Amino acid sequence: MRALQQIVRNVSVVAISQAITWTAAFVFTIAQARYLDPARFGELAVAFSYSLLLGVVLDFGLSTKLARDVARWPETAGEALVATLVVRVGLWCAAMPVVWASTVILGYHAELQATILIVGASMLFGTLAAGLGSYFQGRELFVVPSLASIAQRGSAAVLGIAALALGQGMIGVAIAFVLANLLQLLVLVSGMRRHPVSSTALERATVVTMFKGSAMLGMLWILGTFYYNVDMVILERMAPPQNVAWYAAAYRLFNAGVMLVGFTSTTVLYPVLSRLSVGSREGLRRALERSFTFFLLCGVFVGVTLIVGADQLVALLFPAREYREAATALRLLTPGLVAIYTNGVFFLTLLGMGFERRLLVMAAVLAVLNPLANLVVVPLFQQDGAALITSATEAIVLIWVIAATPTDLRAAARPVVILKVLVAGAVATVCMWFLRDHSLLIAIPLAGIVYAAAALALGIMPLAEMRALRGLVGRRRPGAQGLDGAAVVSPSAAER
């Protein structure tokens, strides 16, 4: 139970930071939609898609490998961190000419080309910050990276909105991201002083080993990000600008939903699963079962909220008249979001166990099938077709990762639990449907209460664990321990 409490406390730290950063991101998104016409708003989404692709190339699986290595072998964390940063800088130097060439080949106009290149330049600071963040993640320290994330998102929103208000357009937003990423890096560097590593020696052999060790992970993330974001690029080339803007609006809300699982599973759960992968198999299975139940519960409720409240959500964040078509695309994206919640824990478990080869095969197949499907469907259904293909792709991922998981761990997805969660979701759907004419500020909390009550009545979460969570209130955190009782790196109390 102490390990469960540790995870919940870590989640709480990151959740608070994410609540702040999501608020900043939503306010920034609203400002973009208000100050930019739909065509420019869609083009800015294309520029951000480039930054996502570039970010994955620069990461090249290094964050995943470093967090896993630090969790498993903390005594060599310093050398691994330095090697990671060196490789990241080298990848940025190699990638930027390719980004420039792609903007020329695709014939982007000067403002969009400049926006993409400036955002790409900001990624130098961003990739170094990501390297430091993965070190903190591996040590299961989350206060410093959470503060850095708040600094980055908050400053990007403030500076970006100021640039838009002054009429600086997309280029002003791009410059805001340069300054915001630099601030994030400075916060993380300052935090390293409180958590120094044992050795920062730069060894050529360590750099080579780090690069080779992350190569398969890098290809996995590159292919995954390609099929995850290529629909926006295809839509921009094959549909009118207003359709791109509608999809961009729906995708912003979809990504916000994805972040809800990302900040907990990737940031908090991944190092725990990596540590358990070299320990007790039973401990790993229990952690997987509990995590799957939690994320399935979250995913179903988020899905209910997006499907029933799509029209209100779009109207709340974007000009209702110009963006009302985004609601349909959001509903079509929602099954894919629920699939991401469902498969995320199994995906992370495979990574923690070092089974990335199985995932790489999946990513390679989808990197071919997804763009081909978009090329067929987008001309027929525009943004709705892109949304359908995204959900279909995530359904394939769900089936694939469960099949790739070892049989004893696969049993963590218990059919009886899935059925009970779906029943609770149906109850919440009925509740939200009857409240559909009320404000979301009323409908979502009430539906959440009904959903939680149904989940408790169906016994989805064990009572013993619920009592353990209640014990968190007012209690000082004990030293960090693993789910199997093994001690792990225990940082200072101030960091926790």
Protein backbone atom coordinates (compact mmCIF):
# COMPACT_ATOMS: atom_id res chain seq x y z
CA MET A 1 0.00 0.00 0.00
CA ARG A 2 2.90 2.35 0.66
CA ALA A 3 3.95 1.99 -2.96
CA LEU A 4 0.43 2.86 -4.11
CA GLN A 5 0.53 5.91 -1.87
CA GLN A 6 3.90 6.89 -3.36
CA ILE A 7 2.49 6.74 -6.87
CA VAL A 8 -0.60 8.73 -5.89
CA ARG A 9 1.55 11.42 -4.29
CA ASN A 10 3.72 11.65 -7.39
CA VAL A 11 0.61 11.82 -9.54
CA SER A 12 -0.71 14.61 -7.32
CA VAL A 13 2.44 16.68 -7.82
CA VAL A 14 2.28 16.33 -11.58
CA ALA A 15 -1.50 16.72 -11.66
CA ILE A 16 -1.31 20.13 -10.00
CA SER A 17 1.27 21.30 -12.52
CA GLN A 18 -0.74 19.88 -15.39
CA ALA A 19 -3.90 21.64 -14.20
CA ILE A 20 -1.99 24.92 -14.37
CA THR A 21 -0.35 24.19 -17.72
CA TRP A 22 -3.60 22.96 -19.28
CA THR A 23 -5.32 26.16 -18.20
CA ALA A 24 -2.54 28.18 -19.82
CA ALA A 25 -2.70 26.04 -22.96
CA PHE A 26 -6.48 26.40 -23.28
CA VAL A 27 -6.35 30.16 -22.78
CA PHE A 28 -3.60 30.33 -25.40
CA THR A 29 -5.65 28.20 -27.80
CA ILE A 30 -8.66 30.46 -27.35
CA ALA A 31 -6.49 33.51 -28.05
CA GLN A 32 -5.11 31.92 -31.21
CA ALA A 33 -8.61 31.22 -32.49
CA ARG A 34 -9.72 34.76 -31.63
CA TYR A 35 -6.76 36.67 -33.07
CA LEU A 36 -6.03 34.48 -36.12
CA ASP A 37 -8.44 33.79 -38.94
CA PRO A 38 -9.28 30.09 -39.51
CA ALA A 39 -6.71 29.77 -42.33
CA ARG A 40 -3.85 31.07 -40.17
CA PHE A 41 -5.05 29.02 -37.20
CA GLY A 42 -4.86 25.88 -39.34
CA GLU A 43 -1.39 26.83 -40.59
CA LEU A 44 -0.18 27.34 -37.03
CA ALA A 45 -1.41 23.81 -36.26
CA VAL A 46 0.68 22.57 -39.20
CA ALA A 47 3.74 24.34 -37.72
CA PHE A 48 3.11 22.67 -34.37
CA SER A 49 2.85 19.31 -36.15
CA TYR A 50 6.33 19.91 -37.51
CA SER A 51 7.58 20.70 -34.01
CA LEU A 52 6.11 17.43 -32.74
CA LEU A 53 7.81 15.46 -35.49
CA LEU A 54 11.09 17.28 -34.88
CA GLY A 55 10.80 16.72 -31.14
CA VAL A 56 10.54 12.98 -31.62
CA VAL A 57 13.51 12.93 -33.99
CA LEU A 58 15.59 14.88 -31.48
CA ASP A 59 14.49 12.61 -28.67
CA PHE A 60 15.24 9.46 -30.71
CA GLY A 61 14.08 7.30 -27.80
CA LEU A 62 16.67 8.90 -25.51
CA SER A 63 14.12 9.99 -22.89
CA THR A 64 12.67 6.51 -22.71
CA LYS A 65 16.07 4.86 -22.43
CA LEU A 66 17.52 7.35 -19.95
CA ALA A 67 14.50 7.17 -17.62
CA ARG A 68 14.62 3.38 -17.76
CA ASP A 69 18.38 3.24 -17.19
CA VAL A 70 18.26 5.70 -14.28
CA ALA A 71 15.42 3.73 -12.66
CA ARG A 72 17.33 0.47 -13.02
CA TRP A 73 20.94 1.60 -12.45
CA PRO A 74 21.01 4.98 -10.63
CA GLU A 75 24.76 4.72 -9.96
CA THR A 76 25.57 5.47 -13.64
CA ALA A 77 22.93 8.20 -14.09
CA GLY A 78 25.40 11.07 -14.52
CA GLU A 79 27.36 9.59 -17.39
CA ALA A 80 24.17 8.50 -19.12
CA LEU A 81 22.69 12.01 -18.76
CA VAL A 82 25.73 13.74 -20.28
CA ALA A 83 25.83 11.27 -23.16
CA THR A 84 22.13 11.87 -23.80
CA LEU A 85 22.56 15.65 -24.00
CA VAL A 86 25.47 15.35 -26.45
CA VAL A 87 23.48 13.07 -28.74
CA ARG A 88 20.49 15.43 -28.63
CA VAL A 89 22.54 18.43 -29.76
CA GLY A 90 24.03 16.40 -32.61
CA LEU A 91 20.58 15.29 -33.77
CA TRP A 92 19.30 18.88 -33.74
CA CYS A 93 22.19 20.03 -35.92
CA ALA A 94 21.43 17.24 -38.40
CA ALA A 95 17.65 17.70 -38.39
CA MET A 96 17.27 21.45 -38.93
CA PRO A 97 18.53 21.47 -42.56
CA VAL A 98 16.00 18.73 -43.33
CA VAL A 99 13.18 20.80 -41.80
CA TRP A 100 14.19 23.81 -43.91
CA ALA A 101 14.36 21.70 -47.07
CA SER A 102 10.89 20.27 -46.44
CA THR A 103 9.35 23.75 -46.13
CA VAL A 104 10.90 24.69 -49.48
CA ILE A 105 9.91 21.48 -51.27
CA LEU A 106 6.31 21.72 -50.07
CA GLY A 107 6.10 25.34 -51.24
CA TYR A 108 4.99 26.95 -48.00
CA HIS A 109 4.60 30.72 -48.08
CA ALA A 110 7.21 32.86 -46.32
CA GLU A 111 5.33 33.41 -43.05
CA LEU A 112 4.54 29.72 -42.52
CA GLN A 113 8.09 28.75 -43.47
CA ALA A 114 9.57 31.24 -40.99
CA THR A 115 7.18 30.06 -38.25
CA ILE A 116 8.21 26.43 -38.73
CA LEU A 117 11.92 27.29 -38.67
CA ILE A 118 11.67 29.48 -35.55
CA VAL A 119 9.70 26.80 -33.71
CA GLY A 120 12.36 24.33 -34.85
CA ALA A 121 15.08 26.58 -33.43
CA SER A 122 13.27 26.63 -30.08
CA MET A 123 13.53 22.84 -30.02
CA LEU A 124 17.25 23.06 -29.23
CA PHE A 125 16.34 24.34 -25.78
CA GLY A 126 13.37 22.01 -25.66
CA THR A 127 15.36 18.86 -26.38
CA LEU A 128 17.95 19.69 -23.72
CA ALA A 129 15.13 20.29 -21.24
CA ALA A 130 13.61 16.94 -22.20
CA GLY A 131 16.91 15.22 -21.44
CA LEU A 132 17.08 16.73 -17.96
CA GLY A 133 13.43 15.95 -17.40
CA SER A 134 13.92 12.27 -18.18
CA TYR A 135 16.73 12.14 -15.59
CA PHE A 136 14.36 13.48 -12.91
CA GLN A 137 11.69 11.06 -14.12
CA GLY A 138 14.01 8.08 -13.75
CA ARG A 139 14.74 9.10 -10.17
CA GLU A 140 10.99 9.52 -9.57
CA LEU A 141 11.44 13.21 -8.72
CA PHE A 142 8.67 15.36 -10.12
CA VAL A 143 8.65 18.78 -8.44
CA VAL A 144 11.44 20.38 -10.50
CA PRO A 145 10.21 19.18 -13.91
CA SER A 146 6.68 20.17 -12.92
CA LEU A 147 7.84 23.69 -12.09
CA ALA A 148 9.76 23.80 -15.36
CA SER A 149 6.65 22.74 -17.27
CA ILE A 150 4.60 25.46 -15.59
CA ALA A 151 7.28 28.02 -16.49
CA GLN A 152 7.33 26.88 -20.11
CA ARG A 153 3.58 26.68 -20.71
CA GLY A 154 2.78 29.78 -18.69
CA SER A 155 5.38 31.99 -20.35
CA ALA A 156 4.49 30.66 -23.80
CA ALA A 157 0.85 31.59 -23.20
CA VAL A 158 1.59 35.05 -21.79
CA LEU A 159 4.17 35.98 -24.42
CA GLY A 160 2.21 34.37 -27.24
CA ILE A 161 -1.03 36.16 -26.39
CA ALA A 162 0.88 39.44 -26.09
CA ALA A 163 2.41 38.87 -29.52
CA LEU A 164 -1.00 38.13 -31.05
CA ALA A 165 -2.54 41.20 -29.41
CA LEU A 166 0.25 43.33 -30.89
CA GLY A 167 -0.45 41.92 -34.34
CA GLN A 168 2.72 39.81 -34.65
CA GLY A 169 0.79 36.76 -35.91
CA MET A 170 2.26 33.28 -36.21
CA ILE A 171 5.87 34.47 -36.11
CA GLY A 172 5.28 36.21 -32.79
CA VAL A 173 3.86 32.98 -31.38
CA ALA A 174 6.94 31.08 -32.60
CA ILE A 175 9.30 33.57 -30.93
CA ALA A 176 7.32 33.17 -27.71
CA PHE A 177 8.08 29.44 -27.80
CA VAL A 178 11.80 30.13 -28.13
CA LEU A 179 11.78 32.19 -24.95
CA ALA A 180 9.49 29.76 -23.13
CA ASN A 181 11.68 26.73 -23.91
CA LEU A 182 14.76 28.63 -22.77
CA LEU A 183 13.06 29.43 -19.45
CA GLN A 184 12.12 25.77 -18.99
CA LEU A 185 15.73 24.73 -19.51
CA LEU A 186 16.99 27.29 -16.98
CA VAL A 187 14.58 26.02 -14.31
CA LEU A 188 15.74 22.44 -14.83
CA VAL A 189 19.43 23.39 -14.73
CA SER A 190 18.80 25.25 -11.48
CA GLY A 191 17.06 22.15 -10.07
CA MET A 192 20.06 19.96 -10.92
CA ARG A 193 22.06 21.81 -8.28
CA ARG A 194 19.85 20.27 -5.60
CA HIS A 195 20.14 16.80 -7.12
CA PRO A 196 23.67 16.47 -8.48
CA VAL A 197 24.77 13.28 -10.20
CA SER A 198 27.72 11.21 -9.07
CA SER A 199 29.74 11.59 -12.28
CA THR A 200 29.43 13.78 -15.37
CA ALA A 201 32.39 12.40 -17.30
CA LEU A 202 31.98 12.56 -21.08
CA GLU A 203 33.08 9.24 -22.51
CA ARG A 204 32.97 8.62 -26.24
CA ALA A 205 32.10 4.98 -25.64
CA THR A 206 29.17 6.00 -23.43
CA VAL A 207 27.84 8.36 -26.10
CA VAL A 208 28.06 5.64 -28.76
CA THR A 209 26.43 3.10 -26.47
CA MET A 210 23.62 5.51 -25.59
CA PHE A 211 22.95 6.25 -29.26
CA LYS A 212 22.96 2.60 -30.27
CA GLY A 213 20.86 1.58 -27.29
CA SER A 214 18.22 4.18 -28.12
CA ALA A 215 18.19 3.54 -31.89
CA MET A 216 15.32 1.06 -31.82
CA LEU A 217 13.36 3.24 -29.40
CA GLY A 218 14.08 6.23 -31.61
CA MET A 219 12.74 4.52 -34.70
CA LEU A 220 9.68 3.46 -32.71
CA TRP A 221 8.90 7.04 -31.64
CA ILE A 222 9.66 8.49 -35.07
CA LEU A 223 7.35 6.06 -36.84
CA GLY A 224 4.70 6.44 -34.14
CA THR A 225 4.77 10.22 -34.31
CA PHE A 226 4.66 10.06 -38.10
CA TYR A 227 1.45 8.05 -38.27
CA TYR A 228 0.04 10.03 -35.34
CA ASN A 229 0.53 13.44 -37.01
CA VAL A 230 0.68 12.83 -40.76
CA ASP A 231 -3.08 13.24 -41.05
CA MET A 232 -2.75 16.98 -40.38
CA VAL A 233 -0.20 17.36 -43.18
CA ILE A 234 -2.34 15.32 -45.61
CA LEU A 235 -5.46 17.29 -44.68
CA GLU A 236 -3.63 20.58 -45.24
CA ARG A 237 -2.71 19.50 -48.78
CA MET A 238 -6.08 17.96 -49.74
CA ALA A 239 -8.81 20.00 -48.00
CA PRO A 240 -9.81 23.69 -47.78
CA PRO A 241 -8.20 25.79 -45.01
CA GLN A 242 -11.42 25.95 -43.00
CA ASN A 243 -11.53 22.14 -42.79
CA VAL A 244 -7.95 22.13 -41.50
CA ALA A 245 -8.96 24.66 -38.85
CA TRP A 246 -11.93 22.51 -37.76
CA TYR A 247 -9.72 19.47 -37.41
CA ALA A 248 -7.05 21.48 -35.62
CA ALA A 249 -9.65 22.65 -33.08
CA ALA A 250 -10.95 19.10 -32.50
CA TYR A 251 -7.41 17.78 -32.28
CA ARG A 252 -6.47 20.32 -29.62
CA LEU A 253 -9.23 18.93 -27.41
CA PHE A 254 -8.26 15.37 -28.32
CA ASN A 255 -4.64 16.02 -27.36
CA ALA A 256 -5.78 17.58 -24.09
CA GLY A 257 -7.56 14.33 -23.33
CA VAL A 258 -4.45 12.34 -24.28
CA MET A 259 -2.39 14.44 -21.88
CA LEU A 260 -4.61 13.33 -19.02
CA VAL A 261 -3.23 9.81 -19.39
CA GLY A 262 0.21 10.90 -20.56
CA PHE A 263 1.17 12.90 -17.49
CA THR A 264 0.35 10.02 -15.14
CA SER A 265 1.33 6.93 -17.11
CA THR A 266 4.40 8.18 -18.96
CA THR A 267 5.73 10.54 -16.34
CA VAL A 268 4.91 8.70 -13.12
CA LEU A 269 4.17 5.09 -13.94
CA TYR A 270 6.85 4.35 -16.53
CA PRO A 271 9.88 4.43 -14.15
CA VAL A 272 7.95 2.29 -11.66
CA LEU A 273 7.18 -0.34 -14.30
CA SER A 274 10.79 -0.22 -15.51
CA ARG A 275 12.07 -0.83 -11.99
CA LEU A 276 9.63 -3.67 -11.39
CA SER A 277 10.54 -5.32 -14.70
CA VAL A 278 13.84 -6.45 -13.17
CA GLY A 279 12.23 -7.52 -9.90
CA SER A 280 9.19 -9.49 -8.83
CA ARG A 281 7.01 -10.66 -11.71
CA GLU A 282 4.01 -10.81 -9.39
CA GLY A 283 4.68 -7.22 -8.30
CA LEU A 284 4.73 -6.15 -11.93
CA ARG A 285 1.46 -7.99 -12.63
CA ARG A 286 -0.28 -6.35 -9.66
CA ALA A 287 0.93 -2.92 -10.70
CA LEU A 288 -0.26 -3.51 -14.25
CA GLU A 289 -3.69 -4.70 -13.10
CA ARG A 290 -4.25 -1.73 -10.81
CA SER A 291 -3.01 0.74 -13.41
CA PHE A 292 -5.14 -0.75 -16.17
CA THR A 293 -8.28 -0.47 -14.04
CA PHE A 294 -7.51 3.14 -13.13
CA PHE A 295 -6.80 4.27 -16.69
CA LEU A 296 -9.79 2.42 -18.10
CA LEU A 297 -12.01 4.20 -15.58
CA CYS A 298 -10.50 7.56 -16.55
CA GLY A 299 -10.64 6.88 -20.28
CA VAL A 300 -14.29 5.89 -20.33
CA PHE A 301 -15.37 8.98 -18.39
CA VAL A 302 -13.29 11.32 -20.54
CA GLY A 303 -14.80 9.65 -23.59
CA VAL A 304 -18.33 10.15 -22.28
CA THR A 305 -17.58 13.81 -21.59
CA LEU A 306 -16.19 14.47 -25.08
CA ILE A 307 -18.96 12.65 -26.95
CA VAL A 308 -21.93 14.13 -25.09
CA GLY A 309 -20.41 17.55 -24.50
CA ALA A 310 -18.59 18.01 -27.83
CA ASP A 311 -20.74 20.90 -29.05
CA GLN A 312 -20.46 22.81 -25.77
CA LEU A 313 -16.70 22.20 -25.50
CA VAL A 314 -16.06 23.52 -28.99
CA ALA A 315 -18.33 26.54 -28.45
CA LEU A 316 -16.64 27.23 -25.10
CA LEU A 317 -13.12 27.41 -26.54
CA PHE A 318 -13.63 28.58 -30.13
CA PRO A 319 -15.91 31.00 -32.00
CA ALA A 320 -19.11 28.95 -32.28
CA ARG A 321 -20.09 30.01 -35.78
CA GLU A 322 -16.69 29.37 -37.40
CA TYR A 323 -15.83 26.13 -35.57
CA ARG A 324 -19.11 24.28 -34.99
CA GLU A 325 -18.10 21.57 -37.51
CA ALA A 326 -15.24 20.61 -35.18
CA ALA A 327 -17.68 18.90 -32.81
CA THR A 328 -18.31 16.00 -35.18
CA ALA A 329 -14.60 15.44 -35.70
CA LEU A 330 -14.10 15.48 -31.92
CA ARG A 331 -16.74 12.78 -31.43
CA LEU A 332 -15.07 10.64 -34.11
CA LEU A 333 -11.69 11.08 -32.41
CA THR A 334 -13.01 10.04 -28.99
CA PRO A 335 -12.93 6.22 -29.52
CA GLY A 336 -9.23 6.58 -30.34
CA LEU A 337 -8.67 8.48 -27.11
CA VAL A 338 -10.37 5.74 -25.07
CA ALA A 339 -8.17 3.18 -26.85
CA ILE A 340 -5.06 5.19 -25.89
CA TYR A 341 -6.09 5.11 -22.24
CA THR A 342 -6.72 1.37 -22.46
CA ASN A 343 -3.52 0.36 -24.23
CA GLY A 344 -1.19 2.85 -22.56
CA VAL A 345 -0.27 0.72 -19.54
CA PHE A 346 0.45 -2.35 -21.66
CA PHE A 347 2.53 -0.21 -24.02
CA LEU A 348 4.60 1.15 -21.13
CA THR A 349 5.03 -2.31 -19.65
CA LEU A 350 6.47 -3.61 -22.91
CA LEU A 351 8.86 -0.66 -22.99
CA GLY A 352 9.87 -1.17 -19.37
CA MET A 353 10.62 -4.84 -20.07
CA GLY A 354 12.73 -3.95 -23.11
CA PHE A 355 10.30 -5.40 -25.68
CA GLU A 356 10.46 -2.39 -27.99
CA ARG A 357 11.19 -4.63 -30.99
CA ARG A 358 7.59 -5.91 -30.85
CA LEU A 359 6.31 -2.35 -30.80
CA LEU A 360 8.62 -1.27 -33.62
CA VAL A 361 7.07 -3.82 -35.97
CA MET A 362 3.63 -2.44 -35.13
CA ALA A 363 4.75 1.16 -35.73
CA ALA A 364 6.30 0.24 -39.08
CA VAL A 365 3.06 -1.37 -40.27
CA LEU A 366 0.92 1.57 -39.13
CA ALA A 367 3.33 4.09 -40.66
CA VAL A 368 2.36 2.60 -44.02
CA LEU A 369 -1.32 1.84 -43.46
CA ASN A 370 -2.29 5.10 -41.74
CA PRO A 371 -1.19 7.56 -44.47
CA LEU A 372 -2.56 5.30 -47.20
CA ALA A 373 -5.93 5.21 -45.44
CA ASN A 374 -5.88 8.99 -45.00
CA LEU A 375 -5.10 9.49 -48.68
CA VAL A 376 -8.23 7.48 -49.52
CA VAL A 377 -10.63 8.80 -46.86
CA VAL A 378 -9.64 12.48 -46.46
CA PRO A 379 -10.75 13.51 -50.02
CA LEU A 380 -14.16 11.97 -49.28
CA PHE A 381 -14.83 13.13 -45.70
CA GLN A 382 -12.17 15.82 -45.04
CA GLN A 383 -11.60 16.35 -41.28
CA ASP A 384 -14.14 13.69 -40.31
CA GLY A 385 -12.28 11.12 -42.40
CA ALA A 386 -8.98 12.00 -40.70
CA ALA A 387 -10.67 11.57 -37.32
CA LEU A 388 -12.06 8.17 -38.29
CA ILE A 389 -8.63 6.93 -39.39
CA THR A 390 -7.07 8.14 -36.13
CA SER A 391 -9.57 6.15 -34.06
CA ALA A 392 -9.17 3.08 -36.27
CA THR A 393 -5.38 3.30 -35.89
CA GLU A 394 -5.59 3.44 -32.11
CA ALA A 395 -7.93 0.42 -32.11
CA ILE A 396 -5.26 -1.52 -34.02
CA VAL A 397 -2.65 -0.40 -31.47
CA LEU A 398 -4.87 -1.66 -28.63
CA ILE A 399 -5.23 -5.11 -30.17
CA TRP A 400 -1.54 -5.30 -31.07
CA VAL A 401 -0.05 -4.34 -27.69
CA ILE A 402 -2.34 -6.68 -25.76
CA ALA A 403 -1.38 -9.53 -28.10
CA ALA A 404 2.32 -8.64 -27.69
CA THR A 405 2.13 -8.66 -23.87
CA PRO A 406 3.24 -11.90 -22.15
CA THR A 407 0.26 -14.10 -21.28
CA ASP A 408 0.57 -13.85 -17.51
CA LEU A 409 0.62 -10.04 -17.66
CA ARG A 410 -2.09 -9.83 -20.31
CA ALA A 411 -4.52 -11.25 -17.74
CA ALA A 412 -4.38 -7.88 -15.97
CA ALA A 413 -7.10 -6.74 -18.38
CA ARG A 414 -9.84 -8.71 -16.66
CA PRO A 415 -13.06 -8.96 -18.73
CA VAL A 416 -15.28 -8.61 -15.65
CA VAL A 417 -13.60 -5.29 -14.79
CA ILE A 418 -14.00 -4.04 -18.37
CA LEU A 419 -17.70 -4.93 -18.30
CA LYS A 420 -18.26 -3.16 -14.97
CA VAL A 421 -16.48 -0.01 -16.20
CA LEU A 422 -18.65 0.03 -19.33
CA VAL A 423 -21.78 -0.27 -17.19
CA ALA A 424 -20.63 2.66 -15.03
CA GLY A 425 -19.88 4.58 -18.24
CA ALA A 426 -23.38 3.93 -19.54
CA VAL A 427 -24.84 5.34 -16.32
CA ALA A 428 -22.66 8.46 -16.66
CA THR A 429 -23.71 8.84 -20.30
CA VAL A 430 -27.39 8.83 -19.36
CA CYS A 431 -26.70 11.41 -16.67
CA MET A 432 -24.83 13.73 -19.03
CA TRP A 433 -27.47 13.31 -21.71
CA PHE A 434 -30.21 14.53 -19.37
CA LEU A 435 -27.96 17.44 -18.36
CA ARG A 436 -26.94 18.31 -21.93
CA ASP A 437 -28.84 21.61 -21.87
CA HIS A 438 -27.04 22.75 -18.72
CA SER A 439 -23.55 24.22 -18.47
CA LEU A 440 -20.63 21.79 -18.58
CA LEU A 441 -19.57 23.24 -15.22
CA ILE A 442 -22.69 21.57 -13.83
CA ALA A 443 -23.03 18.53 -16.08
CA ILE A 444 -19.46 17.19 -15.83
CA PRO A 445 -19.15 17.26 -12.00
CA LEU A 446 -22.60 15.73 -11.52
CA ALA A 447 -21.90 13.03 -14.10
CA GLY A 448 -18.55 12.42 -12.42
CA ILE A 449 -20.22 11.91 -9.04
CA VAL A 450 -22.72 9.48 -10.57
CA TYR A 451 -19.90 7.66 -12.37
CA ALA A 452 -17.81 7.35 -9.21
CA ALA A 453 -20.81 6.12 -7.22
CA ALA A 454 -21.55 3.48 -9.86
CA ALA A 455 -17.90 2.39 -9.89
CA LEU A 456 -17.88 2.01 -6.11
CA ALA A 457 -21.20 0.17 -6.10
CA LEU A 458 -19.89 -2.27 -8.71
CA GLY A 459 -16.71 -2.87 -6.67
CA ILE A 460 -14.35 -1.86 -9.47
CA MET A 461 -11.72 -0.49 -7.07
CA PRO A 462 -10.82 -2.72 -4.08
CA LEU A 463 -11.95 -1.28 -0.74
CA ALA A 464 -8.55 -1.88 0.84
CA GLU A 465 -6.90 0.38 -1.72
CA MET A 466 -9.56 3.05 -1.29
CA ARG A 467 -8.88 3.07 2.45
CA ALA A 468 -5.15 3.38 1.77
CA LEU A 469 -5.76 6.39 -0.43
CA ARG A 470 -7.89 8.06 2.23
CA GLY A 471 -4.93 7.66 4.55
CA LEU A 472 -2.96 10.05 2.37
CA VAL A 473 -4.79 13.06 3.73
CA GLY A 474 -2.67 14.90 6.26
CA ARG A 475 0.09 12.30 6.30
CA ARG A 476 3.73 13.04 5.59
CA ARG A 477 5.19 10.98 2.80
CA PRO A 478 7.44 8.11 3.94
CA GLY A 479 10.60 7.04 2.15
CA ALA A 480 10.00 5.81 -1.39
CA GLN A 481 9.64 2.07 -1.80
CA GLY A 482 8.84 -0.16 -4.73
CA LEU A 483 5.65 -2.11 -5.18
CA ASP A 484 7.49 -5.23 -4.14
CA GLY A 485 8.92 -3.54 -1.07
CA ALA A 486 12.41 -2.95 -2.49
CA ALA A 487 13.98 0.41 -1.68
CA VAL A 488 14.61 2.87 -4.49
CA VAL A 489 16.34 6.22 -4.78
CA SER A 490 14.97 8.33 -1.96
CA PRO A 491 15.26 12.07 -2.67
CA SER A 492 15.12 14.83 -0.11
CA ALA A 493 11.84 15.57 1.55
CA ALA A 494 11.82 19.06 0.12
CA GLU A 495 11.66 17.68 -3.42
CA ARG A 496 8.70 15.51 -2.58
